[in-house]
């Protein structure tokens, strides 16, 4: 089976034949400048450089190191004051992700929770459930 040159190039590079033909056509018209493009992706519309972002986040890192809590909303307000216009919250989440921060929140716990009462409730739960619904089938996590 004979393949055209464009089909061979497409197979070897992992792109479509149409893409290969389009690149060849653009190269024939514009020369080497057609191939030397910045490519897709990247940070072309950044608010700050990476170094500026690091220095901007430094007070929040320091506060977190001493046990303080930095919320995305706090960082967003400070960021908006820095760049002098509104910024969407997803931009802040991407900023935090770029610098290795994750959204870590402690598990919610009621301030009046009593561990002893919770343990006693767990011990009597099966009995109370059986009294209320005698025909129900109870399974444990091991049986699931």
Protein backbone atom coordinates (compact mmCIF):
# COMPACT_ATOMS: atom_id res chain seq x y z
CA UNK A 1 0.00 0.00 0.00
CA UNK A 2 1.48 3.30 -1.07
CA UNK A 3 1.20 6.29 1.23
CA UNK A 4 1.64 9.87 0.19
CA UNK A 5 4.42 11.88 1.77
CA UNK A 6 1.87 13.84 3.86
CA UNK A 7 0.32 10.58 5.10
CA UNK A 8 3.73 9.21 6.09
CA UNK A 9 4.65 12.41 7.93
CA UNK A 10 1.25 12.42 9.69
CA UNK A 11 1.70 8.80 10.78
CA UNK A 12 5.25 9.44 12.05
CA UNK A 13 4.41 12.67 13.91
CA UNK A 14 1.00 11.65 15.26
CA UNK A 15 -1.01 14.47 13.68
CA UNK A 16 -3.67 14.45 11.00
CA UNK A 17 -2.92 14.54 7.29
CA UNK A 18 -4.85 17.83 7.08
CA UNK A 19 -2.50 19.38 9.67
CA UNK A 20 0.56 18.23 7.73
CA UNK A 21 -0.80 19.66 4.48
CA UNK A 22 -1.69 22.96 6.18
CA UNK A 23 1.82 23.29 7.68
CA UNK A 24 3.45 22.48 4.33
CA UNK A 25 1.26 25.04 2.56
CA UNK A 26 2.01 27.73 5.15
CA UNK A 27 5.74 26.93 4.95
CA UNK A 28 5.65 27.23 1.15
CA UNK A 29 4.02 30.68 1.46
CA UNK A 30 5.87 32.17 4.46
CA UNK A 31 9.06 30.14 4.80
CA UNK A 32 10.64 29.25 8.14
CA UNK A 33 8.60 31.90 10.02
CA UNK A 34 5.49 29.73 9.50
CA UNK A 35 6.98 26.91 11.56
CA UNK A 36 8.65 28.94 14.30
CA UNK A 37 5.49 29.83 16.19
CA UNK A 38 5.13 30.14 19.96
CA UNK A 39 2.85 27.08 19.98
CA UNK A 40 -0.21 26.44 22.07
CA UNK A 41 -0.46 26.89 25.81
CA UNK A 42 1.70 28.97 28.04
CA UNK A 43 1.08 32.14 30.01
CA UNK A 44 0.68 34.87 27.41
CA UNK A 45 -1.79 37.00 29.37
CA UNK A 46 -0.28 36.94 32.83
CA UNK A 47 -0.95 39.52 35.51
CA UNK A 48 2.48 39.07 37.12
CA UNK A 49 5.65 37.13 36.41
CA UNK A 50 6.29 33.99 38.43
CA UNK A 51 8.80 35.85 40.60
CA UNK A 52 6.30 38.64 41.29
CA UNK A 53 3.69 36.02 42.19
CA UNK A 54 6.13 34.38 44.62
CA UNK A 55 6.83 37.67 46.35
CA UNK A 56 3.10 38.49 46.41
CA UNK A 57 2.27 35.16 48.07
CA UNK A 58 5.15 35.32 50.58
CA UNK A 59 3.12 37.02 53.37
CA UNK A 60 0.40 34.40 52.98
CA UNK A 61 3.00 31.60 53.12
CA UNK A 62 4.47 33.14 56.28
CA UNK A 63 1.04 33.44 57.89
CA UNK A 64 0.24 29.81 57.04
CA UNK A 65 3.60 28.67 58.46
CA UNK A 66 2.59 30.17 61.82
CA UNK A 67 -0.79 28.39 61.77
CA UNK A 68 -2.82 31.23 60.26
CA UNK A 69 -5.50 30.62 57.69
CA UNK A 70 -5.36 32.26 54.28
CA UNK A 71 -8.57 31.99 52.30
CA UNK A 72 -8.81 32.36 48.55
CA UNK A 73 -11.09 35.36 49.05
CA UNK A 74 -8.44 37.13 51.16
CA UNK A 75 -5.81 36.43 48.54
CA UNK A 76 -8.19 37.56 45.80
CA UNK A 77 -8.81 40.92 47.51
CA UNK A 78 -5.07 41.49 47.95
CA UNK A 79 -4.40 40.41 44.36
CA UNK A 80 -7.06 42.77 43.01
CA UNK A 81 -5.51 45.61 45.01
CA UNK A 82 -2.12 44.73 43.52
CA UNK A 83 -3.24 44.57 39.86
CA UNK A 84 -5.82 47.36 40.33
CA UNK A 85 -8.81 45.61 38.75
CA UNK A 86 -11.21 42.73 39.42
CA UNK A 87 -9.94 39.18 38.99
CA UNK A 88 -12.05 36.02 38.87
CA UNK A 89 -11.59 33.56 41.74
CA UNK A 90 -10.46 30.80 39.34
CA UNK A 91 -7.41 32.92 38.51
CA UNK A 92 -6.54 32.85 42.21
CA UNK A 93 -7.00 29.08 42.40
CA UNK A 94 -4.70 28.63 39.37
CA UNK A 95 -2.18 31.00 40.99
CA UNK A 96 -2.20 28.93 44.18
CA UNK A 97 -1.92 25.70 42.19
CA UNK A 98 1.10 27.05 40.29
CA UNK A 99 2.86 27.63 43.61
CA UNK A 100 1.97 24.27 45.13
CA UNK A 101 -0.89 25.26 47.41
CA UNK A 102 -3.88 22.99 47.75
CA UNK A 103 -7.26 23.65 49.23
CA UNK A 104 -6.86 21.98 52.62
CA UNK A 105 -9.67 22.50 55.05
CA UNK A 106 -9.96 20.72 58.38
CA UNK A 107 -12.84 18.32 58.68
CA UNK A 108 -15.84 20.13 60.14
CA UNK A 109 -16.57 19.25 63.75
CA UNK A 110 -19.30 20.58 65.98
CA UNK A 111 -17.83 22.64 68.85
CA UNK A 112 -20.05 20.84 71.39
CA UNK A 113 -19.24 17.33 70.11
CA UNK A 114 -18.57 14.84 72.88
CA UNK A 115 -16.43 11.83 71.83
CA UNK A 116 -17.67 9.68 74.73
CA UNK A 117 -21.32 10.23 73.80
CA UNK A 118 -20.55 9.48 70.16
CA UNK A 119 -18.85 6.19 71.11
CA UNK A 120 -21.82 5.20 73.30
CA UNK A 121 -24.22 6.04 70.47
CA UNK A 122 -22.27 3.86 68.04
CA UNK A 123 -22.45 0.92 70.47
CA UNK A 124 -26.25 1.15 70.83
CA UNK A 125 -27.06 2.18 67.28
CA UNK A 126 -27.47 -1.37 65.92
CA UNK A 127 -29.82 -2.35 68.74
CA UNK A 128 -31.95 0.79 68.35
CA UNK A 129 -32.10 0.35 64.59
CA UNK A 130 -33.19 -3.28 64.95
CA UNK A 131 -35.97 -2.28 67.38
CA UNK A 132 -37.31 0.33 64.98
CA UNK A 133 -37.04 -1.77 61.79
CA UNK A 134 -36.99 -5.46 62.79
CA UNK A 135 -37.09 -6.80 59.20
CA UNK A 136 -34.19 -4.70 57.89
CA UNK A 137 -31.01 -6.49 56.87
CA UNK A 138 -27.96 -4.98 58.54
CA UNK A 139 -24.58 -5.31 56.88
CA UNK A 140 -21.16 -4.28 57.99
CA UNK A 141 -18.51 -2.65 55.83
CA UNK A 142 -16.79 -6.04 55.51
CA UNK A 143 -19.90 -7.58 53.97
CA UNK A 144 -20.37 -4.86 51.35
